[in-house]
Amino acid sequence: WRYTRAGKRTTGNGFISFIALVSMSGIALGVAALIVVLSVMNG
């Protein structure tokens, strides 16, 4: 969990956590888009 969140004590950890945030955002956007599109098609 410490590696997942941004920290300033360890060199480079902030960048690694930024990449993790981008990965989270990509998964979230993909899941949200799939739910919205299927909901509209069901409608």
PDB file of all heavy atoms in Angstrom:
ATOM      1  N   TRP A   1       0.830  -1.213   0.000  1.00  0.00           N
ATOM      2  CA  TRP A   1       0.000   0.000   0.000  1.00  0.00           C
ATOM      3  C   TRP A   1       0.864   1.262   0.000  1.00  0.00           C
ATOM      4  O   TRP A   1       0.505   2.264  -0.611  1.00  0.00           O
ATOM      5  CB  TRP A   1      -0.917  -0.007   1.228  1.00  0.00           C
ATOM      6  CG  TRP A   1      -1.993  -1.059   1.144  1.00  0.00           C
ATOM      7  CD1 TRP A   1      -2.470  -1.641   0.019  1.00  0.00           C
ATOM      8  CD2 TRP A   1      -2.673  -1.653   2.238  1.00  0.00           C
ATOM      9  NE1 TRP A   1      -3.424  -2.571   0.330  1.00  0.00           N
ATOM     10  CE2 TRP A   1      -3.590  -2.609   1.682  1.00  0.00           C
ATOM     11  CE3 TRP A   1      -2.634  -1.505   3.617  1.00  0.00           C
ATOM     12  CZ2 TRP A   1      -4.424  -3.376   2.471  1.00  0.00           C
ATOM     13  CZ3 TRP A   1      -3.477  -2.268   4.404  1.00  0.00           C
ATOM     14  CH2 TRP A   1      -4.365  -3.198   3.840  1.00  0.00           C
ATOM     15  N   ARG A   2       2.022   1.224   0.690  1.00  0.00           N
ATOM     16  CA  ARG A   2       2.902   2.389   0.730  1.00  0.00           C
ATOM     17  C   ARG A   2       3.481   2.670  -0.646  1.00  0.00           C
ATOM     18  O   ARG A   2       3.633   3.824  -1.037  1.00  0.00           O
ATOM     19  CB  ARG A   2       4.029   2.161   1.740  1.00  0.00           C
ATOM     20  CG  ARG A   2       4.935   3.373   1.908  1.00  0.00           C
ATOM     21  CD  ARG A   2       5.934   3.142   2.997  1.00  0.00           C
ATOM     22  NE  ARG A   2       6.786   4.310   3.166  1.00  0.00           N
ATOM     23  CZ  ARG A   2       7.765   4.401   4.059  1.00  0.00           C
ATOM     24  NH1 ARG A   2       8.014   3.375   4.871  1.00  0.00           N
ATOM     25  NH2 ARG A   2       8.500   5.493   4.149  1.00  0.00           N
ATOM     26  N   TYR A   3       3.801   1.605  -1.398  1.00  0.00           N
ATOM     27  CA  TYR A   3       4.298   1.803  -2.754  1.00  0.00           C
ATOM     28  C   TYR A   3       3.225   2.362  -3.678  1.00  0.00           C
ATOM     29  O   TYR A   3       3.530   3.019  -4.678  1.00  0.00           O
ATOM     30  CB  TYR A   3       4.816   0.476  -3.323  1.00  0.00           C
ATOM     31  CG  TYR A   3       6.137   0.016  -2.742  1.00  0.00           C
ATOM     32  CD1 TYR A   3       6.635  -1.251  -3.017  1.00  0.00           C
ATOM     33  CD2 TYR A   3       6.889   0.848  -1.923  1.00  0.00           C
ATOM     34  CE1 TYR A   3       7.845  -1.689  -2.494  1.00  0.00           C
ATOM     35  CE2 TYR A   3       8.096   0.425  -1.384  1.00  0.00           C
ATOM     36  CZ  TYR A   3       8.564  -0.836  -1.666  1.00  0.00           C
ATOM     37  OH  TYR A   3       9.758  -1.277  -1.139  1.00  0.00           O
ATOM     38  N   THR A   4       1.976   2.081  -3.369  1.00  0.00           N
ATOM     39  CA  THR A   4       0.880   2.540  -4.231  1.00  0.00           C
ATOM     40  C   THR A   4       0.655   4.040  -4.112  1.00  0.00           C
ATOM     41  O   THR A   4       0.448   4.732  -5.117  1.00  0.00           O
ATOM     42  CB  THR A   4      -0.425   1.805  -3.871  1.00  0.00           C
ATOM     43  OG1 THR A   4      -0.215   0.395  -3.974  1.00  0.00           O
ATOM     44  CG2 THR A   4      -1.545   2.208  -4.809  1.00  0.00           C
ATOM     45  N   ARG A   5       0.703   4.567  -2.884  1.00  0.00           N
ATOM     46  CA  ARG A   5       0.447   5.997  -2.706  1.00  0.00           C
ATOM     47  C   ARG A   5       1.736   6.785  -2.845  1.00  0.00           C
ATOM     48  O   ARG A   5       2.826   6.280  -2.611  1.00  0.00           O
ATOM     49  CB  ARG A   5      -0.212   6.272  -1.353  1.00  0.00           C
ATOM     50  CG  ARG A   5       0.635   5.932  -0.151  1.00  0.00           C
ATOM     51  CD  ARG A   5      -0.115   6.262   1.125  1.00  0.00           C
ATOM     52  NE  ARG A   5       0.728   6.075   2.303  1.00  0.00           N
ATOM     53  CZ  ARG A   5       0.808   4.961   2.997  1.00  0.00           C
ATOM     54  NH1 ARG A   5       0.082   3.903   2.628  1.00  0.00           N
ATOM     55  NH2 ARG A   5       1.602   4.876   4.056  1.00  0.00           N
ATOM     56  N   ALA A   6       1.592   8.052  -3.207  1.00  0.00           N
ATOM     57  CA  ALA A   6       2.745   8.920  -3.445  1.00  0.00           C
ATOM     58  C   ALA A   6       3.473   9.204  -2.142  1.00  0.00           C
ATOM     59  O   ALA A   6       2.871   9.381  -1.089  1.00  0.00           O
ATOM     60  CB  ALA A   6       2.303  10.230  -4.091  1.00  0.00           C
ATOM     61  N   GLY A   7       4.774   9.240  -2.211  1.00  0.00           N
ATOM     62  CA  GLY A   7       5.580   9.576  -1.044  1.00  0.00           C
ATOM     63  C   GLY A   7       6.787  10.385  -1.453  1.00  0.00           C
ATOM     64  O   GLY A   7       7.275  10.284  -2.573  1.00  0.00           O
ATOM     65  N   LYS A   8       7.316  11.181  -0.550  1.00  0.00           N
ATOM     66  CA  LYS A   8       8.430  12.076  -0.865  1.00  0.00           C
ATOM     67  C   LYS A   8       9.752  11.605  -0.254  1.00  0.00           C
ATOM     68  O   LYS A   8      10.795  12.181  -0.518  1.00  0.00           O
ATOM     69  CB  LYS A   8       8.118  13.485  -0.337  1.00  0.00           C
ATOM     70  CG  LYS A   8       6.899  14.106  -0.991  1.00  0.00           C
ATOM     71  CD  LYS A   8       6.644  15.500  -0.456  1.00  0.00           C
ATOM     72  CE  LYS A   8       5.417  16.123  -1.115  1.00  0.00           C
ATOM     73  NZ  LYS A   8       5.153  17.490  -0.597  1.00  0.00           N
ATOM     74  N   ARG A   9       9.699  10.576   0.567  1.00  0.00           N
ATOM     75  CA  ARG A   9      10.918  10.157   1.240  1.00  0.00           C
ATOM     76  C   ARG A   9      11.827   9.354   0.326  1.00  0.00           C
ATOM     77  O   ARG A   9      13.040   9.412   0.441  1.00  0.00           O
ATOM     78  CB  ARG A   9      10.569   9.308   2.472  1.00  0.00           C
ATOM     79  CG  ARG A   9       9.830  10.103   3.533  1.00  0.00           C
ATOM     80  CD  ARG A   9       9.564   9.228   4.739  1.00  0.00           C
ATOM     81  NE  ARG A   9       8.817   9.965   5.761  1.00  0.00           N
ATOM     82  CZ  ARG A   9       8.452   9.433   6.920  1.00  0.00           C
ATOM     83  NH1 ARG A   9       8.733   8.166   7.194  1.00  0.00           N
ATOM     84  NH2 ARG A   9       7.790  10.162   7.789  1.00  0.00           N
ATOM     85  N   THR A  10      11.208   8.571  -0.580  1.00  0.00           N
ATOM     86  CA  THR A  10      11.990   7.687  -1.432  1.00  0.00           C
ATOM     87  C   THR A  10      12.087   8.273  -2.835  1.00  0.00           C
ATOM     88  O   THR A  10      11.102   8.711  -3.407  1.00  0.00           O
ATOM     89  CB  THR A  10      11.346   6.297  -1.504  1.00  0.00           C
ATOM     90  OG1 THR A  10      11.128   5.845  -0.177  1.00  0.00           O
ATOM     91  CG2 THR A  10      12.245   5.316  -2.230  1.00  0.00           C
ATOM     92  N   THR A  11      13.280   8.279  -3.362  1.00  0.00           N
ATOM     93  CA  THR A  11      13.511   8.858  -4.679  1.00  0.00           C
ATOM     94  C   THR A  11      12.725   8.107  -5.749  1.00  0.00           C
ATOM     95  O   THR A  11      12.789   6.887  -5.828  1.00  0.00           O
ATOM     96  CB  THR A  11      15.019   8.795  -5.019  1.00  0.00           C
ATOM     97  OG1 THR A  11      15.746   9.435  -3.987  1.00  0.00           O
ATOM     98  CG2 THR A  11      15.292   9.476  -6.355  1.00  0.00           C
ATOM     99  N   GLY A  12      12.016   8.861  -6.569  1.00  0.00           N
ATOM    100  CA  GLY A  12      11.281   8.260  -7.677  1.00  0.00           C
ATOM    101  C   GLY A  12       9.931   7.698  -7.310  1.00  0.00           C
ATOM    102  O   GLY A  12       9.179   7.305  -8.189  1.00  0.00           O
ATOM    103  N   ASN A  13       9.605   7.643  -6.019  1.00  0.00           N
ATOM    104  CA  ASN A  13       8.342   7.026  -5.640  1.00  0.00           C
ATOM    105  C   ASN A  13       7.147   7.831  -6.122  1.00  0.00           C
ATOM    106  O   ASN A  13       6.100   7.288  -6.428  1.00  0.00           O
ATOM    107  CB  ASN A  13       8.292   6.844  -4.121  1.00  0.00           C
ATOM    108  CG  ASN A  13       7.174   5.895  -3.694  1.00  0.00           C
ATOM    109  OD1 ASN A  13       6.985   4.869  -4.322  1.00  0.00           O
ATOM    110  ND2 ASN A  13       6.475   6.249  -2.649  1.00  0.00           N
ATOM    111  N   GLY A  14       7.314   9.161  -6.170  1.00  0.00           N
ATOM    112  CA  GLY A  14       6.227  10.002  -6.657  1.00  0.00           C
ATOM    113  C   GLY A  14       5.895   9.708  -8.102  1.00  0.00           C
ATOM    114  O   GLY A  14       4.736   9.633  -8.496  1.00  0.00           O
ATOM    115  N   PHE A  15       6.912   9.472  -8.936  1.00  0.00           N
ATOM    116  CA  PHE A  15       6.672   9.160 -10.337  1.00  0.00           C
ATOM    117  C   PHE A  15       6.003   7.800 -10.492  1.00  0.00           C
ATOM    118  O   PHE A  15       5.096   7.631 -11.293  1.00  0.00           O
ATOM    119  CB  PHE A  15       8.006   9.193 -11.093  1.00  0.00           C
ATOM    120  CG  PHE A  15       7.874   8.838 -12.545  1.00  0.00           C
ATOM    121  CD1 PHE A  15       7.235   9.691 -13.432  1.00  0.00           C
ATOM    122  CD2 PHE A  15       8.376   7.638 -13.031  1.00  0.00           C
ATOM    123  CE1 PHE A  15       7.099   9.359 -14.760  1.00  0.00           C
ATOM    124  CE2 PHE A  15       8.250   7.307 -14.358  1.00  0.00           C
ATOM    125  CZ  PHE A  15       7.612   8.175 -15.230  1.00  0.00           C
ATOM    126  N   ILE A  16       6.500   6.840  -9.683  1.00  0.00           N
ATOM    127  CA  ILE A  16       5.904   5.507  -9.737  1.00  0.00           C
ATOM    128  C   ILE A  16       4.430   5.578  -9.364  1.00  0.00           C
ATOM    129  O   ILE A  16       3.575   4.962  -9.991  1.00  0.00           O
ATOM    130  CB  ILE A  16       6.648   4.533  -8.813  1.00  0.00           C
ATOM    131  CG1 ILE A  16       8.100   4.371  -9.260  1.00  0.00           C
ATOM    132  CG2 ILE A  16       5.956   3.184  -8.767  1.00  0.00           C
ATOM    133  CD1 ILE A  16       8.279   3.791 -10.631  1.00  0.00           C
ATOM    134  N   SER A  17       4.110   6.368  -8.331  1.00  0.00           N
ATOM    135  CA  SER A  17       2.726   6.490  -7.905  1.00  0.00           C
ATOM    136  C   SER A  17       1.883   7.225  -8.944  1.00  0.00           C
ATOM    137  O   SER A  17       0.696   6.975  -9.078  1.00  0.00           O
ATOM    138  CB  SER A  17       2.653   7.210  -6.558  1.00  0.00           C
ATOM    139  OG  SER A  17       3.322   6.462  -5.574  1.00  0.00           O
ATOM    140  N   PHE A  18       2.505   8.140  -9.693  1.00  0.00           N
ATOM    141  CA  PHE A  18       1.793   8.810 -10.780  1.00  0.00           C
ATOM    142  C   PHE A  18       1.419   7.802 -11.869  1.00  0.00           C
ATOM    143  O   PHE A  18       0.307   7.818 -12.398  1.00  0.00           O
ATOM    144  CB  PHE A  18       2.658   9.929 -11.358  1.00  0.00           C
ATOM    145  CG  PHE A  18       2.074  10.559 -12.598  1.00  0.00           C
ATOM    146  CD1 PHE A  18       1.004  11.437 -12.505  1.00  0.00           C
ATOM    147  CD2 PHE A  18       2.575  10.245 -13.854  1.00  0.00           C
ATOM    148  CE1 PHE A  18       0.455  12.008 -13.643  1.00  0.00           C
ATOM    149  CE2 PHE A  18       2.029  10.803 -14.992  1.00  0.00           C
ATOM    150  CZ  PHE A  18       0.975  11.694 -14.886  1.00  0.00           C
ATOM    151  N   ILE A  19       2.351   6.918 -12.187  1.00  0.00           N
ATOM    152  CA  ILE A  19       2.048   5.866 -13.165  1.00  0.00           C
ATOM    153  C   ILE A  19       0.928   4.974 -12.649  1.00  0.00           C
ATOM    154  O   ILE A  19       0.037   4.550 -13.393  1.00  0.00           O
ATOM    155  CB  ILE A  19       3.304   5.037 -13.476  1.00  0.00           C
ATOM    156  CG1 ILE A  19       4.366   5.915 -14.125  1.00  0.00           C
ATOM    157  CG2 ILE A  19       2.969   3.867 -14.377  1.00  0.00           C
ATOM    158  CD1 ILE A  19       3.967   6.482 -15.465  1.00  0.00           C
ATOM    159  N   ALA A  20       0.951   4.672 -11.332  1.00  0.00           N
ATOM    160  CA  ALA A  20      -0.120   3.868 -10.744  1.00  0.00           C
ATOM    161  C   ALA A  20      -1.459   4.586 -10.864  1.00  0.00           C
ATOM    162  O   ALA A  20      -2.495   3.970 -11.147  1.00  0.00           O
ATOM    163  CB  ALA A  20       0.191   3.558  -9.289  1.00  0.00           C
ATOM    164  N   LEU A  21      -1.449   5.911 -10.679  1.00  0.00           N
ATOM    165  CA  LEU A  21      -2.680   6.696 -10.813  1.00  0.00           C
ATOM    166  C   LEU A  21      -3.196   6.669 -12.246  1.00  0.00           C
ATOM    167  O   LEU A  21      -4.412   6.570 -12.481  1.00  0.00           O
ATOM    168  CB  LEU A  21      -2.413   8.144 -10.370  1.00  0.00           C
ATOM    169  CG  LEU A  21      -3.610   9.107 -10.442  1.00  0.00           C
ATOM    170  CD1 LEU A  21      -4.727   8.642  -9.523  1.00  0.00           C
ATOM    171  CD2 LEU A  21      -3.176  10.526 -10.091  1.00  0.00           C
ATOM    172  N   VAL A  22      -2.284   6.733 -13.198  1.00  0.00           N
ATOM    173  CA  VAL A  22      -2.683   6.646 -14.603  1.00  0.00           C
ATOM    174  C   VAL A  22      -3.312   5.287 -14.890  1.00  0.00           C
ATOM    175  O   VAL A  22      -4.320   5.180 -15.599  1.00  0.00           O
ATOM    176  CB  VAL A  22      -1.472   6.903 -15.525  1.00  0.00           C
ATOM    177  CG1 VAL A  22      -1.831   6.605 -16.973  1.00  0.00           C
ATOM    178  CG2 VAL A  22      -0.998   8.338 -15.386  1.00  0.00           C
ATOM    179  N   SER A  23      -2.729   4.224 -14.327  1.00  0.00           N
ATOM    180  CA  SER A  23      -3.294   2.885 -14.521  1.00  0.00           C
ATOM    181  C   SER A  23      -4.690   2.786 -13.914  1.00  0.00           C
ATOM    182  O   SER A  23      -5.604   2.218 -14.517  1.00  0.00           O
ATOM    183  CB  SER A  23      -2.371   1.841 -13.894  1.00  0.00           C
ATOM    184  OG  SER A  23      -1.095   1.864 -14.493  1.00  0.00           O
ATOM    185  N   MET A  24      -4.854   3.343 -12.707  1.00  0.00           N
ATOM    186  CA  MET A  24      -6.179   3.367 -12.080  1.00  0.00           C
ATOM    187  C   MET A  24      -7.185   4.102 -12.963  1.00  0.00           C
ATOM    188  O   MET A  24      -8.312   3.637 -13.185  1.00  0.00           O
ATOM    189  CB  MET A  24      -6.114   4.061 -10.726  1.00  0.00           C
ATOM    190  CG  MET A  24      -5.469   3.285  -9.615  1.00  0.00           C
ATOM    191  SD  MET A  24      -5.570   4.229  -8.074  1.00  0.00           S
ATOM    192  CE  MET A  24      -4.487   3.261  -7.028  1.00  0.00           C
ATOM    193  N   SER A  25      -6.756   5.266 -13.478  1.00  0.00           N
ATOM    194  CA  SER A  25      -7.659   6.074 -14.300  1.00  0.00           C
ATOM    195  C   SER A  25      -8.037   5.342 -15.581  1.00  0.00           C
ATOM    196  O   SER A  25      -9.194   5.391 -16.025  1.00  0.00           O
ATOM    197  CB  SER A  25      -6.998   7.414 -14.639  1.00  0.00           C
ATOM    198  OG  SER A  25      -6.656   8.118 -13.463  1.00  0.00           O
ATOM    199  N   GLY A  26      -7.064   4.646 -16.192  1.00  0.00           N
ATOM    200  CA  GLY A  26      -7.364   3.895 -17.415  1.00  0.00           C
ATOM    201  C   GLY A  26      -8.372   2.793 -17.170  1.00  0.00           C
ATOM    202  O   GLY A  26      -9.314   2.611 -17.958  1.00  0.00           O
ATOM    203  N   ILE A  27      -8.193   2.049 -16.081  1.00  0.00           N
ATOM    204  CA  ILE A  27      -9.151   0.988 -15.746  1.00  0.00           C
ATOM    205  C   ILE A  27     -10.521   1.586 -15.452  1.00  0.00           C
ATOM    206  O   ILE A  27     -11.548   1.083 -15.919  1.00  0.00           O
ATOM    207  CB  ILE A  27      -8.639   0.175 -14.547  1.00  0.00           C
ATOM    208  CG1 ILE A  27      -7.361  -0.584 -14.919  1.00  0.00           C
ATOM    209  CG2 ILE A  27      -9.701  -0.807 -14.061  1.00  0.00           C
ATOM    210  CD1 ILE A  27      -6.694  -1.274 -13.751  1.00  0.00           C
ATOM    211  N   ALA A  28     -10.545   2.681 -14.686  1.00  0.00           N
ATOM    212  CA  ALA A  28     -11.828   3.308 -14.327  1.00  0.00           C
ATOM    213  C   ALA A  28     -12.564   3.809 -15.566  1.00  0.00           C
ATOM    214  O   ALA A  28     -13.778   3.605 -15.706  1.00  0.00           O
ATOM    215  CB  ALA A  28     -11.584   4.453 -13.347  1.00  0.00           C
ATOM    216  N   LEU A  29     -11.844   4.466 -16.483  1.00  0.00           N
ATOM    217  CA  LEU A  29     -12.492   4.988 -17.691  1.00  0.00           C
ATOM    218  C   LEU A  29     -13.000   3.853 -18.574  1.00  0.00           C
ATOM    219  O   LEU A  29     -14.099   3.939 -19.145  1.00  0.00           O
ATOM    220  CB  LEU A  29     -11.508   5.865 -18.471  1.00  0.00           C
ATOM    221  CG  LEU A  29     -11.195   7.232 -17.852  1.00  0.00           C
ATOM    222  CD1 LEU A  29     -10.128   7.949 -18.660  1.00  0.00           C
ATOM    223  CD2 LEU A  29     -12.448   8.090 -17.772  1.00  0.00           C
ATOM    224  N   GLY A  30     -12.210   2.777 -18.701  1.00  0.00           N
ATOM    225  CA  GLY A  30     -12.657   1.645 -19.501  1.00  0.00           C
ATOM    226  C   GLY A  30     -13.905   1.001 -18.934  1.00  0.00           C
ATOM    227  O   GLY A  30     -14.851   0.696 -19.669  1.00  0.00           O
ATOM    228  N   VAL A  31     -13.929   0.798 -17.620  1.00  0.00           N
ATOM    229  CA  VAL A  31     -15.092   0.189 -16.970  1.00  0.00           C
ATOM    230  C   VAL A  31     -16.315   1.100 -17.101  1.00  0.00           C
ATOM    231  O   VAL A  31     -17.417   0.645 -17.435  1.00  0.00           O
ATOM    232  CB  VAL A  31     -14.785  -0.107 -15.488  1.00  0.00           C
ATOM    233  CG1 VAL A  31     -16.053  -0.508 -14.742  1.00  0.00           C
ATOM    234  CG2 VAL A  31     -13.744  -1.217 -15.377  1.00  0.00           C
ATOM    235  N   ALA A  32     -16.124   2.398 -16.861  1.00  0.00           N
ATOM    236  CA  ALA A  32     -17.245   3.339 -16.954  1.00  0.00           C
ATOM    237  C   ALA A  32     -17.800   3.401 -18.377  1.00  0.00           C
ATOM    238  O   ALA A  32     -19.021   3.399 -18.580  1.00  0.00           O
ATOM    239  CB  ALA A  32     -16.803   4.728 -16.491  1.00  0.00           C
ATOM    240  N   ALA A  33     -16.902   3.452 -19.373  1.00  0.00           N
ATOM    241  CA  ALA A  33     -17.357   3.504 -20.769  1.00  0.00           C
ATOM    242  C   ALA A  33     -18.138   2.255 -21.135  1.00  0.00           C
ATOM    243  O   ALA A  33     -19.184   2.326 -21.812  1.00  0.00           O
ATOM    244  CB  ALA A  33     -16.153   3.677 -21.699  1.00  0.00           C
ATOM    245  N   LEU A  34     -17.662   1.101 -20.696  1.00  0.00           N
ATOM    246  CA  LEU A  34     -18.349  -0.151 -21.017  1.00  0.00           C
ATOM    247  C   LEU A  34     -19.732  -0.205 -20.377  1.00  0.00           C
ATOM    248  O   LEU A  34     -20.713  -0.616 -21.006  1.00  0.00           O
ATOM    249  CB  LEU A  34     -17.496  -1.328 -20.545  1.00  0.00           C
ATOM    250  CG  LEU A  34     -17.939  -2.740 -20.943  1.00  0.00           C
ATOM    251  CD1 LEU A  34     -18.194  -2.827 -22.436  1.00  0.00           C
ATOM    252  CD2 LEU A  34     -16.886  -3.761 -20.533  1.00  0.00           C
ATOM    253  N   ILE A  35     -19.839   0.255 -19.131  1.00  0.00           N
ATOM    254  CA  ILE A  35     -21.136   0.252 -18.445  1.00  0.00           C
ATOM    255  C   ILE A  35     -22.112   1.206 -19.128  1.00  0.00           C
ATOM    256  O   ILE A  35     -23.282   0.874 -19.368  1.00  0.00           O
ATOM    257  CB  ILE A  35     -20.949   0.627 -16.960  1.00  0.00           C
ATOM    258  CG1 ILE A  35     -20.239  -0.503 -16.215  1.00  0.00           C
ATOM    259  CG2 ILE A  35     -22.299   0.928 -16.301  1.00  0.00           C
ATOM    260  CD1 ILE A  35     -19.911  -0.172 -14.771  1.00  0.00           C
ATOM    261  N   VAL A  36     -21.636   2.406 -19.491  1.00  0.00           N
ATOM    262  CA  VAL A  36     -22.518   3.400 -20.110  1.00  0.00           C
ATOM    263  C   VAL A  36     -22.996   2.923 -21.477  1.00  0.00           C
ATOM    264  O   VAL A  36     -24.190   3.006 -21.806  1.00  0.00           O
ATOM    265  CB  VAL A  36     -21.790   4.759 -20.223  1.00  0.00           C
ATOM    266  CG1 VAL A  36     -22.611   5.736 -21.060  1.00  0.00           C
ATOM    267  CG2 VAL A  36     -21.546   5.349 -18.840  1.00  0.00           C
ATOM    268  N   VAL A  37     -22.068   2.393 -22.294  1.00  0.00           N
ATOM    269  CA  VAL A  37     -22.447   1.952 -23.646  1.00  0.00           C
ATOM    270  C   VAL A  37     -23.444   0.799 -23.583  1.00  0.00           C
ATOM    271  O   VAL A  37     -24.464   0.803 -24.292  1.00  0.00           O
ATOM    272  CB  VAL A  37     -21.189   1.549 -24.442  1.00  0.00           C
ATOM    273  CG1 VAL A  37     -21.582   0.857 -25.742  1.00  0.00           C
ATOM    274  CG2 VAL A  37     -20.337   2.770 -24.746  1.00  0.00           C
ATOM    275  N   LEU A  38     -23.188  -0.191 -22.738  1.00  0.00           N
ATOM    276  CA  LEU A  38     -24.117  -1.313 -22.631  1.00  0.00           C
ATOM    277  C   LEU A  38     -25.463  -0.868 -22.065  1.00  0.00           C
ATOM    278  O   LEU A  38     -26.511  -1.396 -22.457  1.00  0.00           O
ATOM    279  CB  LEU A  38     -23.514  -2.414 -21.760  1.00  0.00           C
ATOM    280  CG  LEU A  38     -22.368  -3.219 -22.382  1.00  0.00           C
ATOM    281  CD1 LEU A  38     -21.947  -4.342 -21.457  1.00  0.00           C
ATOM    282  CD2 LEU A  38     -22.758  -3.789 -23.732  1.00  0.00           C
ATOM    283  N   SER A  39     -25.461   0.096 -21.146  1.00  0.00           N
ATOM    284  CA  SER A  39     -26.722   0.597 -20.596  1.00  0.00           C
ATOM    285  C   SER A  39     -27.554   1.282 -21.674  1.00  0.00           C
ATOM    286  O   SER A  39     -28.774   1.103 -21.736  1.00  0.00           O
ATOM    287  CB  SER A  39     -26.444   1.561 -19.438  1.00  0.00           C
ATOM    288  OG  SER A  39     -25.789   0.910 -18.376  1.00  0.00           O
ATOM    289  N   VAL A  40     -26.893   2.076 -22.518  1.00  0.00           N
ATOM    290  CA  VAL A  40     -27.615   2.747 -23.600  1.00  0.00           C
ATOM    291  C   VAL A  40     -28.147   1.727 -24.609  1.00  0.00           C
ATOM    292  O   VAL A  40     -29.287   1.825 -25.080  1.00  0.00           O
ATOM    293  CB  VAL A  40     -26.700   3.777 -24.291  1.00  0.00           C
ATOM    294  CG1 VAL A  40     -27.370   4.335 -25.549  1.00  0.00           C
ATOM    295  CG2 VAL A  40     -26.375   4.919 -23.332  1.00  0.00           C
ATOM    296  N   MET A  41     -27.331   0.719 -24.933  1.00  0.00           N
ATOM    297  CA  MET A  41     -27.798  -0.322 -25.862  1.00  0.00           C
ATOM    298  C   MET A  41     -28.961  -1.095 -25.264  1.00  0.00           C
ATOM    299  O   MET A  41     -29.926  -1.427 -25.966  1.00  0.00           O
ATOM    300  CB  MET A  41     -26.641  -1.256 -26.202  1.00  0.00           C
ATOM    301  CG  MET A  41     -25.521  -0.603 -26.996  1.00  0.00           C
ATOM    302  SD  MET A  41     -24.238  -1.759 -27.499  1.00  0.00           S
ATOM    303  CE  MET A  41     -25.106  -2.691 -28.733  1.00  0.00           C
ATOM    304  N   ASN A  42     -28.885  -1.388 -23.967  1.00  0.00           N
ATOM    305  CA  ASN A  42     -30.015  -2.049 -23.303  1.00  0.00           C
ATOM    306  C   ASN A  42     -31.253  -1.168 -23.334  1.00  0.00           C
ATOM    307  O   ASN A  42     -32.381  -1.655 -23.491  1.00  0.00           O
ATOM    308  CB  ASN A  42     -29.655  -2.388 -21.857  1.00  0.00           C
ATOM    309  CG  ASN A  42     -28.630  -3.504 -21.750  1.00  0.00           C
ATOM    310  OD1 ASN A  42     -28.552  -4.364 -22.616  1.00  0.00           O
ATOM    311  ND2 ASN A  42     -27.841  -3.489 -20.699  1.00  0.00           N
ATOM    312  N   GLY A  43     -31.062   0.143 -23.168  1.00  0.00           N
ATOM    313  CA  GLY A  43     -32.190   1.070 -23.205  1.00  0.00           C
ATOM    314  C   GLY A  43     -32.863   1.102 -24.564  1.00  0.00           C
ATOM    315  O   GLY A  43     -34.100   1.088 -24.663  1.00  0.00           O
TER     316      GLY A  43
END
